[in-house]
Amino acid sequence: MASFVNTWMEPEADKLVMENISKNIIDIFEYPQTARVIHNIMVNMLGRLFNGHHTDFVGTSTAGSSEAIMLGLLAHKWNWKKSGRGTDKPNIIFGNDAHVLLG
């Protein structure tokens, strides 16, 4: 969840990080149950954040923002096709800071 953008944390958060710095809690091979729980919490939190109309969301995680953009656009394409509006003029607007992808 974009931990790289934080510039300051409360002292309690710093202490928590330092107490657990040696643990790789999200290593899906070492802690598969924890990773699944964290993943589901994050997917559902984002679903509610974007005013989704479900109570249990389905999603996936990615290693980077480029993969996230590609998966998001693929989902958007499927929804667009389902709406019957055609695929020749998709409704996608990017800021000038968006990643460029060729696939």
PDB file of N, CA and C in Angstrom:
ATOM      1  N   MET A   1       0.815  -1.186   0.000  1.00  0.00           N
ATOM      2  CA  MET A   1       0.000   0.000   0.000  1.00  0.00           C
ATOM      3  C   MET A   1       0.860   1.251   0.000  1.00  0.00           C
ATOM      4  N   ALA A   2       1.802   1.324  -0.896  1.00  0.00           N
ATOM      5  CA  ALA A   2       2.603   2.526  -1.100  1.00  0.00           C
ATOM      6  C   ALA A   2       3.355   2.961   0.147  1.00  0.00           C
ATOM      7  N   SER A   3       4.020   2.031   0.804  1.00  0.00           N
ATOM      8  CA  SER A   3       4.782   2.376   2.006  1.00  0.00           C
ATOM      9  C   SER A   3       5.960   3.288   1.679  1.00  0.00           C
ATOM     10  N   PHE A   4       6.364   3.336   0.422  1.00  0.00           N
ATOM     11  CA  PHE A   4       7.507   4.152   0.026  1.00  0.00           C
ATOM     12  C   PHE A   4       7.207   5.644   0.010  1.00  0.00           C
ATOM     13  N   VAL A   5       5.958   6.040   0.183  1.00  0.00           N
ATOM     14  CA  VAL A   5       5.633   7.458   0.141  1.00  0.00           C
ATOM     15  C   VAL A   5       5.585   8.104   1.525  1.00  0.00           C
ATOM     16  N   ASN A   6       5.743   7.321   2.573  1.00  0.00           N
ATOM     17  CA  ASN A   6       5.716   7.878   3.925  1.00  0.00           C
ATOM     18  C   ASN A   6       6.996   8.642   4.220  1.00  0.00           C
ATOM     19  N   THR A   7       6.864   9.818   4.788  1.00  0.00           N
ATOM     20  CA  THR A   7       8.038  10.589   5.192  1.00  0.00           C
ATOM     21  C   THR A   7       8.131  10.706   6.707  1.00  0.00           C
ATOM     22  N   TRP A   8       7.049  10.426   7.423  1.00  0.00           N
ATOM     23  CA  TRP A   8       7.035  10.522   8.877  1.00  0.00           C
ATOM     24  C   TRP A   8       6.007   9.555   9.431  1.00  0.00           C
ATOM     25  N   MET A   9       6.329   8.944  10.565  1.00  0.00           N
ATOM     26  CA  MET A   9       5.376   8.067  11.239  1.00  0.00           C
ATOM     27  C   MET A   9       5.352   8.423  12.718  1.00  0.00           C
ATOM     28  N   GLU A  10       4.260   8.080  13.364  1.00  0.00           N
ATOM     29  CA  GLU A  10       4.168   8.258  14.803  1.00  0.00           C
ATOM     30  C   GLU A  10       5.232   7.403  15.484  1.00  0.00           C
ATOM     31  N   PRO A  11       5.716   7.800  16.649  1.00  0.00           N
ATOM     32  CA  PRO A  11       6.739   7.017  17.362  1.00  0.00           C
ATOM     33  C   PRO A  11       6.308   5.575  17.611  1.00  0.00           C
ATOM     34  N   GLU A  12       5.009   5.349  17.862  1.00  0.00           N
ATOM     35  CA  GLU A  12       4.528   3.983  18.098  1.00  0.00           C
ATOM     36  C   GLU A  12       4.693   3.120  16.853  1.00  0.00           C
ATOM     37  N   ALA A  13       4.462   3.701  15.688  1.00  0.00           N
ATOM     38  CA  ALA A  13       4.625   2.959  14.433  1.00  0.00           C
ATOM     39  C   ALA A  13       6.097   2.642  14.194  1.00  0.00           C
ATOM     40  N   ASP A  14       6.979   3.608  14.478  1.00  0.00           N
ATOM     41  CA  ASP A  14       8.425   3.352  14.362  1.00  0.00           C
ATOM     42  C   ASP A  14       8.845   2.199  15.262  1.00  0.00           C
ATOM     43  N   LYS A  15       8.354   2.207  16.500  1.00  0.00           N
ATOM     44  CA  LYS A  15       8.698   1.147  17.457  1.00  0.00           C
ATOM     45  C   LYS A  15       8.208  -0.212  16.947  1.00  0.00           C
ATOM     46  N   LEU A  16       6.984  -0.246  16.431  1.00  0.00           N
ATOM     47  CA  LEU A  16       6.419  -1.489  15.903  1.00  0.00           C
ATOM     48  C   LEU A  16       7.257  -2.017  14.740  1.00  0.00           C
ATOM     49  N   VAL A  17       7.654  -1.128  13.843  1.00  0.00           N
ATOM     50  CA  VAL A  17       8.489  -1.526  12.707  1.00  0.00           C
ATOM     51  C   VAL A  17       9.822  -2.096  13.203  1.00  0.00           C
ATOM     52  N   MET A  18      10.458  -1.412  14.122  1.00  0.00           N
ATOM     53  CA  MET A  18      11.763  -1.854  14.607  1.00  0.00           C
ATOM     54  C   MET A  18      11.685  -3.192  15.346  1.00  0.00           C
ATOM     55  N   GLU A  19      10.591  -3.433  16.051  1.00  0.00           N
ATOM     56  CA  GLU A  19      10.419  -4.713  16.756  1.00  0.00           C
ATOM     57  C   GLU A  19      10.228  -5.880  15.783  1.00  0.00           C
ATOM     58  N   ASN A  20       9.771  -5.588  14.580  1.00  0.00           N
ATOM     59  CA  ASN A  20       9.459  -6.657  13.624  1.00  0.00           C
ATOM     60  C   ASN A  20      10.291  -6.600  12.355  1.00  0.00           C
ATOM     61  N   ILE A  21      11.341  -5.800  12.357  1.00  0.00           N
ATOM     62  CA  ILE A  21      12.132  -5.596  11.146  1.00  0.00           C
ATOM     63  C   ILE A  21      12.779  -6.894  10.638  1.00  0.00           C
ATOM     64  N   SER A  22      13.063  -7.820  11.532  1.00  0.00           N
ATOM     65  CA  SER A  22      13.723  -9.061  11.113  1.00  0.00           C
ATOM     66  C   SER A  22      12.747 -10.115  10.604  1.00  0.00           C
ATOM     67  N   LYS A  23      11.455  -9.857  10.691  1.00  0.00           N
ATOM     68  CA  LYS A  23      10.446 -10.825  10.251  1.00  0.00           C
ATOM     69  C   LYS A  23       9.944 -10.458   8.865  1.00  0.00           C
ATOM     70  N   ASN A  24       9.906 -11.437   7.989  1.00  0.00           N
ATOM     71  CA  ASN A  24       9.337 -11.227   6.660  1.00  0.00           C
ATOM     72  C   ASN A  24       7.922 -11.795   6.686  1.00  0.00           C
ATOM     73  N   ILE A  25       6.995 -11.026   7.242  1.00  0.00           N
ATOM     74  CA  ILE A  25       5.638 -11.508   7.478  1.00  0.00           C
ATOM     75  C   ILE A  25       4.896 -11.809   6.182  1.00  0.00           C
ATOM     76  N   ILE A  26       5.259 -11.167   5.086  1.00  0.00           N
ATOM     77  CA  ILE A  26       4.510 -11.360   3.857  1.00  0.00           C
ATOM     78  C   ILE A  26       5.209 -12.344   2.913  1.00  0.00           C
ATOM     79  N   ASP A  27       6.159 -13.119   3.420  1.00  0.00           N
ATOM     80  CA  ASP A  27       6.753 -14.183   2.615  1.00  0.00           C
ATOM     81  C   ASP A  27       5.692 -15.262   2.451  1.00  0.00           C
ATOM     82  N   ILE A  28       5.080 -15.332   1.274  1.00  0.00           N
ATOM     83  CA  ILE A  28       3.937 -16.232   1.079  1.00  0.00           C
ATOM     84  C   ILE A  28       4.301 -17.712   1.215  1.00  0.00           C
ATOM     85  N   PHE A  29       5.570 -18.033   1.093  1.00  0.00           N
ATOM     86  CA  PHE A  29       5.979 -19.422   1.248  1.00  0.00           C
ATOM     87  C   PHE A  29       6.183 -19.775   2.719  1.00  0.00           C
ATOM     88  N   GLU A  30       6.668 -18.814   3.495  1.00  0.00           N
ATOM     89  CA  GLU A  30       6.910 -19.064   4.919  1.00  0.00           C
ATOM     90  C   GLU A  30       5.652 -18.865   5.756  1.00  0.00           C
ATOM     91  N   TYR A  31       4.829 -17.890   5.397  1.00  0.00           N
ATOM     92  CA  TYR A  31       3.614 -17.571   6.145  1.00  0.00           C
ATOM     93  C   TYR A  31       2.408 -17.498   5.205  1.00  0.00           C
ATOM     94  N   PRO A  32       2.016 -18.602   4.578  1.00  0.00           N
ATOM     95  CA  PRO A  32       0.940 -18.532   3.582  1.00  0.00           C
ATOM     96  C   PRO A  32      -0.391 -18.049   4.161  1.00  0.00           C
ATOM     97  N   GLN A  33      -0.721 -18.421   5.374  1.00  0.00           N
ATOM     98  CA  GLN A  33      -1.981 -18.025   5.983  1.00  0.00           C
ATOM     99  C   GLN A  33      -2.013 -16.523   6.236  1.00  0.00           C
ATOM    100  N   THR A  34      -0.913 -15.983   6.756  1.00  0.00           N
ATOM    101  CA  THR A  34      -0.838 -14.548   7.045  1.00  0.00           C
ATOM    102  C   THR A  34      -0.951 -13.738   5.766  1.00  0.00           C
ATOM    103  N   ALA A  35      -0.239 -14.153   4.738  1.00  0.00           N
ATOM    104  CA  ALA A  35      -0.272 -13.426   3.467  1.00  0.00           C
ATOM    105  C   ALA A  35      -1.686 -13.401   2.907  1.00  0.00           C
ATOM    106  N   ARG A  36      -2.395 -14.513   3.004  1.00  0.00           N
ATOM    107  CA  ARG A  36      -3.758 -14.590   2.486  1.00  0.00           C
ATOM    108  C   ARG A  36      -4.684 -13.638   3.257  1.00  0.00           C
ATOM    109  N   VAL A  37      -4.541 -13.602   4.565  1.00  0.00           N
ATOM    110  CA  VAL A  37      -5.383 -12.729   5.387  1.00  0.00           C
ATOM    111  C   VAL A  37      -5.087 -11.269   5.075  1.00  0.00           C
ATOM    112  N   ILE A  38      -3.812 -10.900   5.042  1.00  0.00           N
ATOM    113  CA  ILE A  38      -3.432  -9.519   4.740  1.00  0.00           C
ATOM    114  C   ILE A  38      -3.925  -9.129   3.347  1.00  0.00           C
ATOM    115  N   HIS A  39      -3.744 -10.030   2.393  1.00  0.00           N
ATOM    116  CA  HIS A  39      -4.190  -9.781   1.019  1.00  0.00           C
ATOM    117  C   HIS A  39      -5.693  -9.498   0.985  1.00  0.00           C
ATOM    118  N   ASN A  40      -6.480 -10.346   1.629  1.00  0.00           N
ATOM    119  CA  ASN A  40      -7.937 -10.169   1.616  1.00  0.00           C
ATOM    120  C   ASN A  40      -8.357  -8.875   2.300  1.00  0.00           C
ATOM    121  N   ILE A  41      -7.682  -8.524   3.388  1.00  0.00           N
ATOM    122  CA  ILE A  41      -7.998  -7.272   4.078  1.00  0.00           C
ATOM    123  C   ILE A  41      -7.742  -6.088   3.140  1.00  0.00           C
ATOM    124  N   MET A  42      -6.594  -6.100   2.465  1.00  0.00           N
ATOM    125  CA  MET A  42      -6.236  -4.986   1.585  1.00  0.00           C
ATOM    126  C   MET A  42      -7.189  -4.892   0.396  1.00  0.00           C
ATOM    127  N   VAL A  43      -7.518  -6.010  -0.233  1.00  0.00           N
ATOM    128  CA  VAL A  43      -8.424  -6.003  -1.387  1.00  0.00           C
ATOM    129  C   VAL A  43      -9.788  -5.463  -0.982  1.00  0.00           C
ATOM    130  N   ASN A  44     -10.314  -5.908   0.157  1.00  0.00           N
ATOM    131  CA  ASN A  44     -11.624  -5.452   0.594  1.00  0.00           C
ATOM    132  C   ASN A  44     -11.604  -3.995   1.034  1.00  0.00           C
ATOM    133  N   MET A  45     -10.500  -3.548   1.637  1.00  0.00           N
ATOM    134  CA  MET A  45     -10.383  -2.150   2.019  1.00  0.00           C
ATOM    135  C   MET A  45     -10.409  -1.258   0.776  1.00  0.00           C
ATOM    136  N   LEU A  46      -9.674  -1.651  -0.262  1.00  0.00           N
ATOM    137  CA  LEU A  46      -9.671  -0.870  -1.499  1.00  0.00           C
ATOM    138  C   LEU A  46     -11.032  -0.908  -2.189  1.00  0.00           C
ATOM    139  N   GLY A  47     -11.705  -2.055  -2.149  1.00  0.00           N
ATOM    140  CA  GLY A  47     -13.038  -2.154  -2.740  1.00  0.00           C
ATOM    141  C   GLY A  47     -14.009  -1.185  -2.092  1.00  0.00           C
ATOM    142  N   ARG A  48     -13.955  -1.096  -0.758  1.00  0.00           N
ATOM    143  CA  ARG A  48     -14.830  -0.153  -0.053  1.00  0.00           C
ATOM    144  C   ARG A  48     -14.402   1.288  -0.304  1.00  0.00           C
ATOM    145  N   LEU A  49     -13.086   1.513  -0.390  1.00  0.00           N
ATOM    146  CA  LEU A  49     -12.575   2.860  -0.636  1.00  0.00           C
ATOM    147  C   LEU A  49     -13.108   3.414  -1.962  1.00  0.00           C
ATOM    148  N   PHE A  50     -13.225   2.544  -2.969  1.00  0.00           N
ATOM    149  CA  PHE A  50     -13.720   2.967  -4.278  1.00  0.00           C
ATOM    150  C   PHE A  50     -15.227   2.750  -4.413  1.00  0.00           C
ATOM    151  N   ASN A  51     -15.920   2.680  -3.282  1.00  0.00           N
ATOM    152  CA  ASN A  51     -17.386   2.576  -3.250  1.00  0.00           C
ATOM    153  C   ASN A  51     -17.925   1.376  -4.007  1.00  0.00           C
ATOM    154  N   GLY A  52     -17.269   0.241  -3.872  1.00  0.00           N
ATOM    155  CA  GLY A  52     -17.754  -0.978  -4.501  1.00  0.00           C
ATOM    156  C   GLY A  52     -19.069  -1.418  -3.899  1.00  0.00           C
ATOM    157  N   HIS A  53     -19.846  -2.161  -4.658  1.00  0.00           N
ATOM    158  CA  HIS A  53     -21.185  -2.547  -4.223  1.00  0.00           C
ATOM    159  C   HIS A  53     -21.251  -3.988  -3.737  1.00  0.00           C
ATOM    160  N   HIS A  54     -20.119  -4.580  -3.400  1.00  0.00           N
ATOM    161  CA  HIS A  54     -20.094  -5.948  -2.901  1.00  0.00           C
ATOM    162  C   HIS A  54     -19.699  -5.930  -1.431  1.00  0.00           C
ATOM    163  N   THR A  55     -19.896  -7.040  -0.767  1.00  0.00           N
ATOM    164  CA  THR A  55     -19.433  -7.133   0.613  1.00  0.00           C
ATOM    165  C   THR A  55     -18.144  -7.931   0.699  1.00  0.00           C
ATOM    166  N   ASP A  56     -17.834  -8.714  -0.331  1.00  0.00           N
ATOM    167  CA  ASP A  56     -16.595  -9.481  -0.360  1.00  0.00           C
ATOM    168  C   ASP A  56     -15.989  -9.334  -1.760  1.00  0.00           C
ATOM    169  N   PHE A  57     -14.869  -8.656  -1.846  1.00  0.00           N
ATOM    170  CA  PHE A  57     -14.259  -8.341  -3.128  1.00  0.00           C
ATOM    171  C   PHE A  57     -13.234  -9.389  -3.515  1.00  0.00           C
ATOM    172  N   VAL A  58     -12.945  -9.476  -4.802  1.00  0.00           N
ATOM    173  CA  VAL A  58     -11.930 -10.370  -5.330  1.00  0.00           C
ATOM    174  C   VAL A  58     -10.858  -9.506  -5.965  1.00  0.00           C
ATOM    175  N   GLY A  59      -9.610  -9.810  -5.705  1.00  0.00           N
ATOM    176  CA  GLY A  59      -8.526  -9.024  -6.286  1.00  0.00           C
ATOM    177  C   GLY A  59      -7.217  -9.777  -6.196  1.00  0.00           C
ATOM    178  N   THR A  60      -6.180  -9.147  -6.649  1.00  0.00           N
ATOM    179  CA  THR A  60      -4.861  -9.756  -6.612  1.00  0.00           C
ATOM    180  C   THR A  60      -3.832  -8.707  -6.251  1.00  0.00           C
ATOM    181  N   SER A  61      -2.657  -9.151  -5.892  1.00  0.00           N
ATOM    182  CA  SER A  61      -1.576  -8.216  -5.588  1.00  0.00           C
ATOM    183  C   SER A  61      -0.518  -8.328  -6.679  1.00  0.00           C
ATOM    184  N   THR A  62       0.286  -7.308  -6.813  1.00  0.00           N
ATOM    185  CA  THR A  62       1.333  -7.304  -7.837  1.00  0.00           C
ATOM    186  C   THR A  62       2.653  -6.894  -7.211  1.00  0.00           C
ATOM    187  N   ALA A  63       3.730  -7.162  -7.942  1.00  0.00           N
ATOM    188  CA  ALA A  63       5.059  -6.789  -7.459  1.00  0.00           C
ATOM    189  C   ALA A  63       5.360  -5.327  -7.724  1.00  0.00           C
ATOM    190  N   GLY A  64       4.631  -4.704  -8.610  1.00  0.00           N
ATOM    191  CA  GLY A  64       4.915  -3.310  -8.931  1.00  0.00           C
ATOM    192  C   GLY A  64       3.735  -2.602  -9.557  1.00  0.00           C
ATOM    193  N   SER A  65       3.899  -1.315  -9.750  1.00  0.00           N
ATOM    194  CA  SER A  65       2.792  -0.512 -10.248  1.00  0.00           C
ATOM    195  C   SER A  65       2.461  -0.803 -11.707  1.00  0.00           C
ATOM    196  N   SER A  66       3.438  -1.167 -12.511  1.00  0.00           N
ATOM    197  CA  SER A  66       3.148  -1.473 -13.918  1.00  0.00           C
ATOM    198  C   SER A  66       2.210  -2.664 -14.039  1.00  0.00           C
ATOM    199  N   GLU A  67       2.478  -3.698 -13.243  1.00  0.00           N
ATOM    200  CA  GLU A  67       1.597  -4.866 -13.261  1.00  0.00           C
ATOM    201  C   GLU A  67       0.203  -4.498 -12.775  1.00  0.00           C
ATOM    202  N   ALA A  68       0.131  -3.656 -11.761  1.00  0.00           N
ATOM    203  CA  ALA A  68      -1.163  -3.238 -11.232  1.00  0.00           C
ATOM    204  C   ALA A  68      -1.949  -2.476 -12.287  1.00  0.00           C
ATOM    205  N   ILE A  69      -1.274  -1.605 -13.013  1.00  0.00           N
ATOM    206  CA  ILE A  69      -1.943  -0.848 -14.064  1.00  0.00           C
ATOM    207  C   ILE A  69      -2.465  -1.783 -15.148  1.00  0.00           C
ATOM    208  N   MET A  70      -1.658  -2.753 -15.568  1.00  0.00           N
ATOM    209  CA  MET A  70      -2.092  -3.683 -16.617  1.00  0.00           C
ATOM    210  C   MET A  70      -3.302  -4.494 -16.166  1.00  0.00           C
ATOM    211  N   LEU A  71      -3.287  -4.996 -14.919  1.00  0.00           N
ATOM    212  CA  LEU A  71      -4.423  -5.774 -14.431  1.00  0.00           C
ATOM    213  C   LEU A  71      -5.673  -4.904 -14.288  1.00  0.00           C
ATOM    214  N   GLY A  72      -5.499  -3.681 -13.818  1.00  0.00           N
ATOM    215  CA  GLY A  72      -6.634  -2.769 -13.701  1.00  0.00           C
ATOM    216  C   GLY A  72      -7.247  -2.453 -15.050  1.00  0.00           C
ATOM    217  N   LEU A  73      -6.406  -2.207 -16.037  1.00  0.00           N
ATOM    218  CA  LEU A  73      -6.910  -1.913 -17.382  1.00  0.00           C
ATOM    219  C   LEU A  73      -7.577  -3.125 -18.017  1.00  0.00           C
ATOM    220  N   LEU A  74      -7.055  -4.311 -17.736  1.00  0.00           N
ATOM    221  CA  LEU A  74      -7.681  -5.515 -18.262  1.00  0.00           C
ATOM    222  C   LEU A  74      -9.081  -5.685 -17.672  1.00  0.00           C
ATOM    223  N   ALA A  75      -9.223  -5.459 -16.379  1.00  0.00           N
ATOM    224  CA  ALA A  75     -10.551  -5.528 -15.755  1.00  0.00           C
ATOM    225  C   ALA A  75     -11.474  -4.465 -16.341  1.00  0.00           C
ATOM    226  N   HIS A  76     -10.939  -3.261 -16.547  1.00  0.00           N
ATOM    227  CA  HIS A  76     -11.737  -2.178 -17.137  1.00  0.00           C
ATOM    228  C   HIS A  76     -12.194  -2.567 -18.552  1.00  0.00           C
ATOM    229  N   LYS A  77     -11.310  -3.191 -19.312  1.00  0.00           N
ATOM    230  CA  LYS A  77     -11.651  -3.609 -20.682  1.00  0.00           C
ATOM    231  C   LYS A  77     -12.798  -4.619 -20.666  1.00  0.00           C
ATOM    232  N   TRP A  78     -12.725  -5.589 -19.745  1.00  0.00           N
ATOM    233  CA  TRP A  78     -13.800  -6.591 -19.669  1.00  0.00           C
ATOM    234  C   TRP A  78     -15.120  -5.946 -19.303  1.00  0.00           C
ATOM    235  N   ASN A  79     -15.107  -5.030 -18.335  1.00  0.00           N
ATOM    236  CA  ASN A  79     -16.345  -4.328 -17.960  1.00  0.00           C
ATOM    237  C   ASN A  79     -16.863  -3.475 -19.114  1.00  0.00           C
ATOM    238  N   TRP A  80     -15.961  -2.834 -19.827  1.00  0.00           N
ATOM    239  CA  TRP A  80     -16.351  -1.994 -20.963  1.00  0.00           C
ATOM    240  C   TRP A  80     -17.012  -2.846 -22.043  1.00  0.00           C
ATOM    241  N   LYS A  81     -16.398  -4.015 -22.352  1.00  0.00           N
ATOM    242  CA  LYS A  81     -16.978  -4.912 -23.358  1.00  0.00           C
ATOM    243  C   LYS A  81     -18.369  -5.376 -22.938  1.00  0.00           C
ATOM    244  N   LYS A  82     -18.524  -5.713 -21.657  1.00  0.00           N
ATOM    245  CA  LYS A  82     -19.806  -6.186 -21.145  1.00  0.00           C
ATOM    246  C   LYS A  82     -20.890  -5.119 -21.268  1.00  0.00           C
ATOM    247  N   SER A  83     -20.500  -3.867 -21.205  1.00  0.00           N
ATOM    248  CA  SER A  83     -21.478  -2.781 -21.269  1.00  0.00           C
ATOM    249  C   SER A  83     -22.023  -2.591 -22.683  1.00  0.00           C
ATOM    250  N   GLY A  84     -21.370  -3.198 -23.692  1.00  0.00           N
ATOM    251  CA  GLY A  84     -21.835  -3.098 -25.064  1.00  0.00           C
ATOM    252  C   GLY A  84     -21.424  -1.815 -25.764  1.00  0.00           C
ATOM    253  N   ARG A  85     -20.502  -1.066 -25.187  1.00  0.00           N
ATOM    254  CA  ARG A  85     -20.100   0.209 -25.792  1.00  0.00           C
ATOM    255  C   ARG A  85     -18.984   0.063 -26.825  1.00  0.00           C
ATOM    256  N   GLY A  86     -18.569  -1.163 -27.115  1.00  0.00           N
ATOM    257  CA  GLY A  86     -17.505  -1.369 -28.099  1.00  0.00           C
ATOM    258  C   GLY A  86     -16.128  -1.148 -27.486  1.00  0.00           C
ATOM    259  N   THR A  87     -15.124  -1.581 -28.211  1.00  0.00           N
ATOM    260  CA  THR A  87     -13.758  -1.448 -27.684  1.00  0.00           C
ATOM    261  C   THR A  87     -12.900  -0.513 -28.529  1.00  0.00           C
ATOM    262  N   ASP A  88     -13.500   0.173 -29.492  1.00  0.00           N
ATOM    263  CA  ASP A  88     -12.704   1.042 -30.356  1.00  0.00           C
ATOM    264  C   ASP A  88     -12.355   2.385 -29.697  1.00  0.00           C
ATOM    265  N   LYS A  89     -13.143   2.835 -28.714  1.00  0.00           N
ATOM    266  CA  LYS A  89     -12.881   4.108 -28.032  1.00  0.00           C
ATOM    267  C   LYS A  89     -13.064   3.945 -26.521  1.00  0.00           C
ATOM    268  N   PRO A  90     -12.135   3.255 -25.861  1.00  0.00           N
ATOM    269  CA  PRO A  90     -12.290   3.061 -24.409  1.00  0.00           C
ATOM    270  C   PRO A  90     -12.175   4.393 -23.664  1.00  0.00           C
ATOM    271  N   ASN A  91     -12.857   4.472 -22.554  1.00  0.00           N
ATOM    272  CA  ASN A  91     -12.904   5.687 -21.750  1.00  0.00           C
ATOM    273  C   ASN A  91     -11.818   5.617 -20.671  1.00  0.00           C
ATOM    274  N   ILE A  92     -10.599   5.949 -21.032  1.00  0.00           N
ATOM    275  CA  ILE A  92      -9.476   5.890 -20.099  1.00  0.00           C
ATOM    276  C   ILE A  92      -8.726   7.214 -20.166  1.00  0.00           C
ATOM    277  N   ILE A  93      -8.534   7.819 -19.005  1.00  0.00           N
ATOM    278  CA  ILE A  93      -7.801   9.084 -18.930  1.00  0.00           C
ATOM    279  C   ILE A  93      -6.649   8.906 -17.960  1.00  0.00           C
ATOM    280  N   PHE A  94      -5.445   9.285 -18.379  1.00  0.00           N
ATOM    281  CA  PHE A  94      -4.256   9.185 -17.530  1.00  0.00           C
ATOM    282  C   PHE A  94      -3.679  10.565 -17.281  1.00  0.00           C
ATOM    283  N   GLY A  95      -3.077  10.722 -16.118  1.00  0.00           N
ATOM    284  CA  GLY A  95      -2.297  11.931 -15.850  1.00  0.00           C
ATOM    285  C   GLY A  95      -0.949  11.819 -16.522  1.00  0.00           C
ATOM    286  N   ASN A  96      -0.192  12.900 -16.525  1.00  0.00           N
ATOM    287  CA  ASN A  96       1.121  12.859 -17.187  1.00  0.00           C
ATOM    288  C   ASN A  96       2.141  12.046 -16.392  1.00  0.00           C
ATOM    289  N   ASP A  97       1.779  11.578 -15.201  1.00  0.00           N
ATOM    290  CA  ASP A  97       2.701  10.770 -14.411  1.00  0.00           C
ATOM    291  C   ASP A  97       2.450   9.258 -14.570  1.00  0.00           C
ATOM    292  N   ALA A  98       1.549   8.866 -15.458  1.00  0.00           N
ATOM    293  CA  ALA A  98       1.223   7.450 -15.639  1.00  0.00           C
ATOM    294  C   ALA A  98       2.357   6.722 -16.348  1.00  0.00           C
ATOM    295  N   HIS A  99       2.474   5.440 -16.041  1.00  0.00           N
ATOM    296  CA  HIS A  99       3.468   4.595 -16.695  1.00  0.00           C
ATOM    297  C   HIS A  99       3.036   4.290 -18.128  1.00  0.00           C
ATOM    298  N   VAL A 100       3.979   4.194 -19.010  1.00  0.00           N
ATOM    299  CA  VAL A 100       3.679   3.816 -20.390  1.00  0.00           C
ATOM    300  C   VAL A 100       3.930   2.327 -20.514  1.00  0.00           C
ATOM    301  N   LEU A 101       2.964   1.589 -21.052  1.00  0.00           N
ATOM    302  CA  LEU A 101       3.077   0.143 -21.196  1.00  0.00           C
ATOM    303  C   LEU A 101       2.852  -0.246 -22.640  1.00  0.00           C
ATOM    304  N   LEU A 102       3.657  -1.121 -23.113  1.00  0.00           N
ATOM    305  CA  LEU A 102       3.453  -1.714 -24.431  1.00  0.00           C
ATOM    306  C   LEU A 102       3.311  -3.202 -24.235  1.00  0.00           C
ATOM    307  N   GLY A 103       2.283  -3.785 -24.787  1.00  0.00           N
ATOM    308  CA  GLY A 103       2.093  -5.204 -24.548  1.00  0.00           C
ATOM    309  C   GLY A 103       1.644  -5.935 -25.772  1.00  0.00           C
TER     310      GLY A 103
END
